[in-house]
Amino acid sequence: KAGAKLIKAGDQSVVELIIHEGKNR
């Protein structure tokens, strides 16, 4: 489970994402 919050919507959206793992990319 992750934290996800939309900062800006549009043709290009900006999202804050909080994760607790560290898989490659």
PDB file of all heavy atoms in Angstrom:
ATOM      1  N   LYS A   1       0.841  -1.197   0.000  1.00  0.00           N
ATOM      2  CA  LYS A   1       0.000   0.000   0.000  1.00  0.00           C
ATOM      3  C   LYS A   1       0.875   1.244   0.000  1.00  0.00           C
ATOM      4  O   LYS A   1       1.934   1.273   0.634  1.00  0.00           O
ATOM      5  CB  LYS A   1      -0.935  -0.005   1.207  1.00  0.00           C
ATOM      6  CG  LYS A   1      -2.020  -1.073   1.134  1.00  0.00           C
ATOM      7  CD  LYS A   1      -2.959  -0.964   2.312  1.00  0.00           C
ATOM      8  CE  LYS A   1      -4.042  -2.036   2.250  1.00  0.00           C
ATOM      9  NZ  LYS A   1      -4.921  -1.858   1.087  1.00  0.00           N
ATOM     10  N   ALA A   2       0.454   2.259  -0.721  1.00  0.00           N
ATOM     11  CA  ALA A   2       1.243   3.475  -0.888  1.00  0.00           C
ATOM     12  C   ALA A   2       0.367   4.696  -0.640  1.00  0.00           C
ATOM     13  O   ALA A   2      -0.866   4.622  -0.687  1.00  0.00           O
ATOM     14  CB  ALA A   2       1.841   3.529  -2.292  1.00  0.00           C
ATOM     15  N   GLY A   3       1.020   5.808  -0.386  1.00  0.00           N
ATOM     16  CA  GLY A   3       0.311   7.079  -0.314  1.00  0.00           C
ATOM     17  C   GLY A   3       0.342   7.734  -1.682  1.00  0.00           C
ATOM     18  O   GLY A   3       1.389   7.760  -2.333  1.00  0.00           O
ATOM     19  N   ALA A   4      -0.777   8.224  -2.157  1.00  0.00           N
ATOM     20  CA  ALA A   4      -0.836   8.868  -3.474  1.00  0.00           C
ATOM     21  C   ALA A   4      -1.754  10.078  -3.400  1.00  0.00           C
ATOM     22  O   ALA A   4      -2.898   9.971  -2.947  1.00  0.00           O
ATOM     23  CB  ALA A   4      -1.341   7.889  -4.529  1.00  0.00           C
ATOM     24  N   LYS A   5      -1.221  11.223  -3.833  1.00  0.00           N
ATOM     25  CA  LYS A   5      -1.999  12.467  -3.793  1.00  0.00           C
ATOM     26  C   LYS A   5      -1.784  13.232  -5.086  1.00  0.00           C
ATOM     27  O   LYS A   5      -0.644  13.407  -5.537  1.00  0.00           O
ATOM     28  CB  LYS A   5      -1.561  13.320  -2.604  1.00  0.00           C
ATOM     29  CG  LYS A   5      -2.332  14.635  -2.471  1.00  0.00           C
ATOM     30  CD  LYS A   5      -1.953  15.371  -1.198  1.00  0.00           C
ATOM     31  CE  LYS A   5      -0.558  15.950  -1.276  1.00  0.00           C
ATOM     32  NZ  LYS A   5      -0.229  16.792  -0.094  1.00  0.00           N
ATOM     33  N   LEU A   6      -2.882  13.667  -5.687  1.00  0.00           N
ATOM     34  CA  LEU A   6      -2.805  14.449  -6.917  1.00  0.00           C
ATOM     35  C   LEU A   6      -2.477  15.900  -6.588  1.00  0.00           C
ATOM     36  O   LEU A   6      -3.191  16.552  -5.832  1.00  0.00           O
ATOM     37  CB  LEU A   6      -4.133  14.367  -7.678  1.00  0.00           C
ATOM     38  CG  LEU A   6      -4.189  15.055  -9.041  1.00  0.00           C
ATOM     39  CD1 LEU A   6      -3.231  14.397 -10.018  1.00  0.00           C
ATOM     40  CD2 LEU A   6      -5.611  15.033  -9.592  1.00  0.00           C
ATOM     41  N   ILE A   7      -1.388  16.386  -7.163  1.00  0.00           N
ATOM     42  CA  ILE A   7      -0.988  17.779  -6.964  1.00  0.00           C
ATOM     43  C   ILE A   7      -1.530  18.660  -8.079  1.00  0.00           C
ATOM     44  O   ILE A   7      -2.005  19.763  -7.849  1.00  0.00           O
ATOM     45  CB  ILE A   7       0.551  17.891  -6.891  1.00  0.00           C
ATOM     46  CG1 ILE A   7       1.074  17.107  -5.684  1.00  0.00           C
ATOM     47  CG2 ILE A   7       0.988  19.356  -6.820  1.00  0.00           C
ATOM     48  CD1 ILE A   7       2.573  17.043  -5.604  1.00  0.00           C
ATOM     49  N   LYS A   8      -1.478  18.134  -9.304  1.00  0.00           N
ATOM     50  CA  LYS A   8      -1.992  18.888 -10.451  1.00  0.00           C
ATOM     51  C   LYS A   8      -2.473  17.917 -11.511  1.00  0.00           C
ATOM     52  O   LYS A   8      -1.799  16.935 -11.817  1.00  0.00           O
ATOM     53  CB  LYS A   8      -0.898  19.791 -11.040  1.00  0.00           C
ATOM     54  CG  LYS A   8      -1.402  20.731 -12.136  1.00  0.00           C
ATOM     55  CD  LYS A   8      -0.272  21.597 -12.696  1.00  0.00           C
ATOM     56  CE  LYS A   8       0.478  20.861 -13.781  1.00  0.00           C
ATOM     57  NZ  LYS A   8       1.424  21.750 -14.512  1.00  0.00           N
ATOM     58  N   ALA A   9      -3.656  18.179 -12.071  1.00  0.00           N
ATOM     59  CA  ALA A   9      -4.207  17.350 -13.140  1.00  0.00           C
ATOM     60  C   ALA A   9      -4.057  18.069 -14.471  1.00  0.00           C
ATOM     61  O   ALA A   9      -3.905  19.279 -14.527  1.00  0.00           O
ATOM     62  CB  ALA A   9      -5.674  17.036 -12.869  1.00  0.00           C
ATOM     63  N   GLY A  10      -4.105  17.292 -15.573  1.00  0.00           N
ATOM     64  CA  GLY A  10      -4.014  17.883 -16.900  1.00  0.00           C
ATOM     65  C   GLY A  10      -3.391  16.917 -17.877  1.00  0.00           C
ATOM     66  O   GLY A  10      -3.305  15.706 -17.613  1.00  0.00           O
ATOM     67  N   ASP A  11      -2.965  17.435 -19.015  1.00  0.00           N
ATOM     68  CA  ASP A  11      -2.296  16.586 -20.000  1.00  0.00           C
ATOM     69  C   ASP A  11      -1.025  15.975 -19.409  1.00  0.00           C
ATOM     70  O   ASP A  11      -0.614  14.881 -19.778  1.00  0.00           O
ATOM     71  CB  ASP A  11      -1.939  17.383 -21.255  1.00  0.00           C
ATOM     72  CG  ASP A  11      -3.190  17.828 -22.018  1.00  0.00           C
ATOM     73  OD1 ASP A  11      -4.240  17.170 -21.836  1.00  0.00           O
ATOM     74  OD2 ASP A  11      -3.113  18.803 -22.772  1.00  0.00           O
ATOM     75  N   GLN A  12      -0.409  16.732 -18.503  1.00  0.00           N
ATOM     76  CA  GLN A  12       0.657  16.200 -17.671  1.00  0.00           C
ATOM     77  C   GLN A  12       0.245  16.406 -16.221  1.00  0.00           C
ATOM     78  O   GLN A  12       0.034  17.533 -15.781  1.00  0.00           O
ATOM     79  CB  GLN A  12       1.994  16.895 -17.948  1.00  0.00           C
ATOM     80  CG  GLN A  12       2.635  16.485 -19.263  1.00  0.00           C
ATOM     81  CD  GLN A  12       4.100  16.921 -19.354  1.00  0.00           C
ATOM     82  OE1 GLN A  12       4.626  17.591 -18.479  1.00  0.00           O
ATOM     83  NE2 GLN A  12       4.756  16.518 -20.424  1.00  0.00           N
ATOM     84  N   SER A  13       0.109  15.310 -15.492  1.00  0.00           N
ATOM     85  CA  SER A  13      -0.314  15.386 -14.094  1.00  0.00           C
ATOM     86  C   SER A  13       0.897  15.304 -13.172  1.00  0.00           C
ATOM     87  O   SER A  13       1.925  14.731 -13.529  1.00  0.00           O
ATOM     88  CB  SER A  13      -1.278  14.241 -13.768  1.00  0.00           C
ATOM     89  OG  SER A  13      -2.450  14.320 -14.548  1.00  0.00           O
ATOM     90  N   VAL A  14       0.750  15.884 -11.993  1.00  0.00           N
ATOM     91  CA  VAL A  14       1.798  15.821 -10.980  1.00  0.00           C
ATOM     92  C   VAL A  14       1.230  15.094  -9.764  1.00  0.00           C
ATOM     93  O   VAL A  14       0.174  15.471  -9.239  1.00  0.00           O
ATOM     94  CB  VAL A  14       2.294  17.226 -10.587  1.00  0.00           C
ATOM     95  CG1 VAL A  14       3.397  17.124  -9.531  1.00  0.00           C
ATOM     96  CG2 VAL A  14       2.800  17.979 -11.816  1.00  0.00           C
ATOM     97  N   VAL A  15       1.939  14.045  -9.328  1.00  0.00           N
ATOM     98  CA  VAL A  15       1.448  13.192  -8.252  1.00  0.00           C
ATOM     99  C   VAL A  15       2.535  13.007  -7.201  1.00  0.00           C
ATOM    100  O   VAL A  15       3.701  12.788  -7.530  1.00  0.00           O
ATOM    101  CB  VAL A  15       1.035  11.799  -8.786  1.00  0.00           C
ATOM    102  CG1 VAL A  15       0.548  10.902  -7.647  1.00  0.00           C
ATOM    103  CG2 VAL A  15      -0.043  11.930  -9.852  1.00  0.00           C
ATOM    104  N   GLU A  16       2.131  13.127  -5.932  1.00  0.00           N
ATOM    105  CA  GLU A  16       3.024  12.756  -4.832  1.00  0.00           C
ATOM    106  C   GLU A  16       2.777  11.290  -4.502  1.00  0.00           C
ATOM    107  O   GLU A  16       1.635  10.880  -4.287  1.00  0.00           O
ATOM    108  CB  GLU A  16       2.751  13.615  -3.603  1.00  0.00           C
ATOM    109  CG  GLU A  16       3.631  13.245  -2.402  1.00  0.00           C
ATOM    110  CD  GLU A  16       3.208  13.957  -1.137  1.00  0.00           C
ATOM    111  OE1 GLU A  16       2.307  13.431  -0.432  1.00  0.00           O
ATOM    112  OE2 GLU A  16       3.776  15.036  -0.863  1.00  0.00           O
ATOM    113  N   LEU A  17       3.851  10.497  -4.462  1.00  0.00           N
ATOM    114  CA  LEU A  17       3.733   9.069  -4.179  1.00  0.00           C
ATOM    115  C   LEU A  17       4.680   8.707  -3.043  1.00  0.00           C
ATOM    116  O   LEU A  17       5.865   9.048  -3.085  1.00  0.00           O
ATOM    117  CB  LEU A  17       4.071   8.246  -5.420  1.00  0.00           C
ATOM    118  CG  LEU A  17       3.799   6.740  -5.330  1.00  0.00           C
ATOM    119  CD1 LEU A  17       2.298   6.470  -5.271  1.00  0.00           C
ATOM    120  CD2 LEU A  17       4.400   5.992  -6.522  1.00  0.00           C
ATOM    121  N   ILE A  18       4.148   8.035  -2.027  1.00  0.00           N
ATOM    122  CA  ILE A  18       4.946   7.604  -0.871  1.00  0.00           C
ATOM    123  C   ILE A  18       4.980   6.084  -0.850  1.00  0.00           C
ATOM    124  O   ILE A  18       3.934   5.435  -0.750  1.00  0.00           O
ATOM    125  CB  ILE A  18       4.361   8.129   0.443  1.00  0.00           C
ATOM    126  CG1 ILE A  18       4.245   9.654   0.418  1.00  0.00           C
ATOM    127  CG2 ILE A  18       5.235   7.694   1.621  1.00  0.00           C
ATOM    128  CD1 ILE A  18       3.554  10.236   1.630  1.00  0.00           C
ATOM    129  N   ILE A  19       6.181   5.522  -0.953  1.00  0.00           N
ATOM    130  CA  ILE A  19       6.336   4.063  -0.951  1.00  0.00           C
ATOM    131  C   ILE A  19       7.235   3.648   0.214  1.00  0.00           C
ATOM    132  O   ILE A  19       7.939   4.477   0.796  1.00  0.00           O
ATOM    133  CB  ILE A  19       6.924   3.551  -2.286  1.00  0.00           C
ATOM    134  CG1 ILE A  19       8.334   4.117  -2.516  1.00  0.00           C
ATOM    135  CG2 ILE A  19       5.994   3.909  -3.443  1.00  0.00           C
ATOM    136  CD1 ILE A  19       9.040   3.518  -3.733  1.00  0.00           C
ATOM    137  N   HIS A  20       7.206   2.350   0.528  1.00  0.00           N
ATOM    138  CA  HIS A  20       8.009   1.827   1.641  1.00  0.00           C
ATOM    139  C   HIS A  20       8.948   0.720   1.173  1.00  0.00           C
ATOM    140  O   HIS A  20       9.549   0.034   2.008  1.00  0.00           O
ATOM    141  CB  HIS A  20       7.093   1.296   2.757  1.00  0.00           C
ATOM    142  CG  HIS A  20       6.205   2.344   3.342  1.00  0.00           C
ATOM    143  ND1 HIS A  20       4.991   2.689   2.779  1.00  0.00           N
ATOM    144  CD2 HIS A  20       6.364   3.152   4.414  1.00  0.00           C
ATOM    145  CE1 HIS A  20       4.429   3.643   3.499  1.00  0.00           C
ATOM    146  NE2 HIS A  20       5.237   3.943   4.488  1.00  0.00           N
ATOM    147  N   GLU A  21       9.068   0.570  -0.129  1.00  0.00           N
ATOM    148  CA  GLU A  21       9.958  -0.448  -0.687  1.00  0.00           C
ATOM    149  C   GLU A  21      11.022   0.244  -1.523  1.00  0.00           C
ATOM    150  O   GLU A  21      11.064   1.467  -1.597  1.00  0.00           O
ATOM    151  CB  GLU A  21       9.152  -1.423  -1.553  1.00  0.00           C
ATOM    152  CG  GLU A  21       8.050  -2.125  -0.781  1.00  0.00           C
ATOM    153  CD  GLU A  21       6.795  -2.300  -1.632  1.00  0.00           C
ATOM    154  OE1 GLU A  21       6.407  -1.374  -2.350  1.00  0.00           O
ATOM    155  OE2 GLU A  21       6.212  -3.389  -1.549  1.00  0.00           O
ATOM    156  N   GLY A  22      11.870  -0.545  -2.146  1.00  0.00           N
ATOM    157  CA  GLY A  22      12.927   0.051  -2.953  1.00  0.00           C
ATOM    158  C   GLY A  22      13.282  -0.787  -4.155  1.00  0.00           C
ATOM    159  O   GLY A  22      14.464  -0.962  -4.482  1.00  0.00           O
ATOM    160  N   LYS A  23      12.272  -1.323  -4.826  1.00  0.00           N
ATOM    161  CA  LYS A  23      12.530  -2.105  -6.027  1.00  0.00           C
ATOM    162  C   LYS A  23      13.129  -1.217  -7.124  1.00  0.00           C
ATOM    163  O   LYS A  23      12.894  -0.009  -7.155  1.00  0.00           O
ATOM    164  CB  LYS A  23      11.228  -2.741  -6.546  1.00  0.00           C
ATOM    165  CG  LYS A  23      10.609  -3.748  -5.595  1.00  0.00           C
ATOM    166  CD  LYS A  23      11.468  -4.981  -5.444  1.00  0.00           C
ATOM    167  CE  LYS A  23      10.810  -6.004  -4.531  1.00  0.00           C
ATOM    168  NZ  LYS A  23      11.657  -7.201  -4.335  1.00  0.00           N
ATOM    169  N   ASN A  24      13.893  -1.841  -8.008  1.00  0.00           N
ATOM    170  CA  ASN A  24      14.538  -1.102  -9.086  1.00  0.00           C
ATOM    171  C   ASN A  24      13.505  -0.336  -9.917  1.00  0.00           C
ATOM    172  O   ASN A  24      12.543  -0.916 -10.414  1.00  0.00           O
ATOM    173  CB  ASN A  24      15.309  -2.085  -9.979  1.00  0.00           C
ATOM    174  CG  ASN A  24      16.093  -1.382 -11.067  1.00  0.00           C
ATOM    175  OD1 ASN A  24      16.709  -0.338 -10.839  1.00  0.00           O
ATOM    176  ND2 ASN A  24      16.062  -1.946 -12.260  1.00  0.00           N
ATOM    177  N   ARG A  25      13.690   0.977 -10.021  1.00  0.00           N
ATOM    178  CA  ARG A  25      12.826   1.861 -10.804  1.00  0.00           C
ATOM    179  C   ARG A  25      11.352   1.658 -10.432  1.00  0.00           C
ATOM    180  O   ARG A  25      10.456   1.704 -11.285  1.00  0.00           O
ATOM    181  CB  ARG A  25      13.045   1.644 -12.305  1.00  0.00           C
ATOM    182  CG  ARG A  25      14.481   1.936 -12.735  1.00  0.00           C
ATOM    183  CD  ARG A  25      14.710   1.668 -14.206  1.00  0.00           C
ATOM    184  NE  ARG A  25      14.023   2.625 -15.058  1.00  0.00           N
ATOM    185  CZ  ARG A  25      14.471   3.834 -15.360  1.00  0.00           C
ATOM    186  NH1 ARG A  25      15.621   4.254 -14.851  1.00  0.00           N
ATOM    187  NH2 ARG A  25      13.796   4.637 -16.152  1.00  0.00           N
TER     188      ARG A  25
END
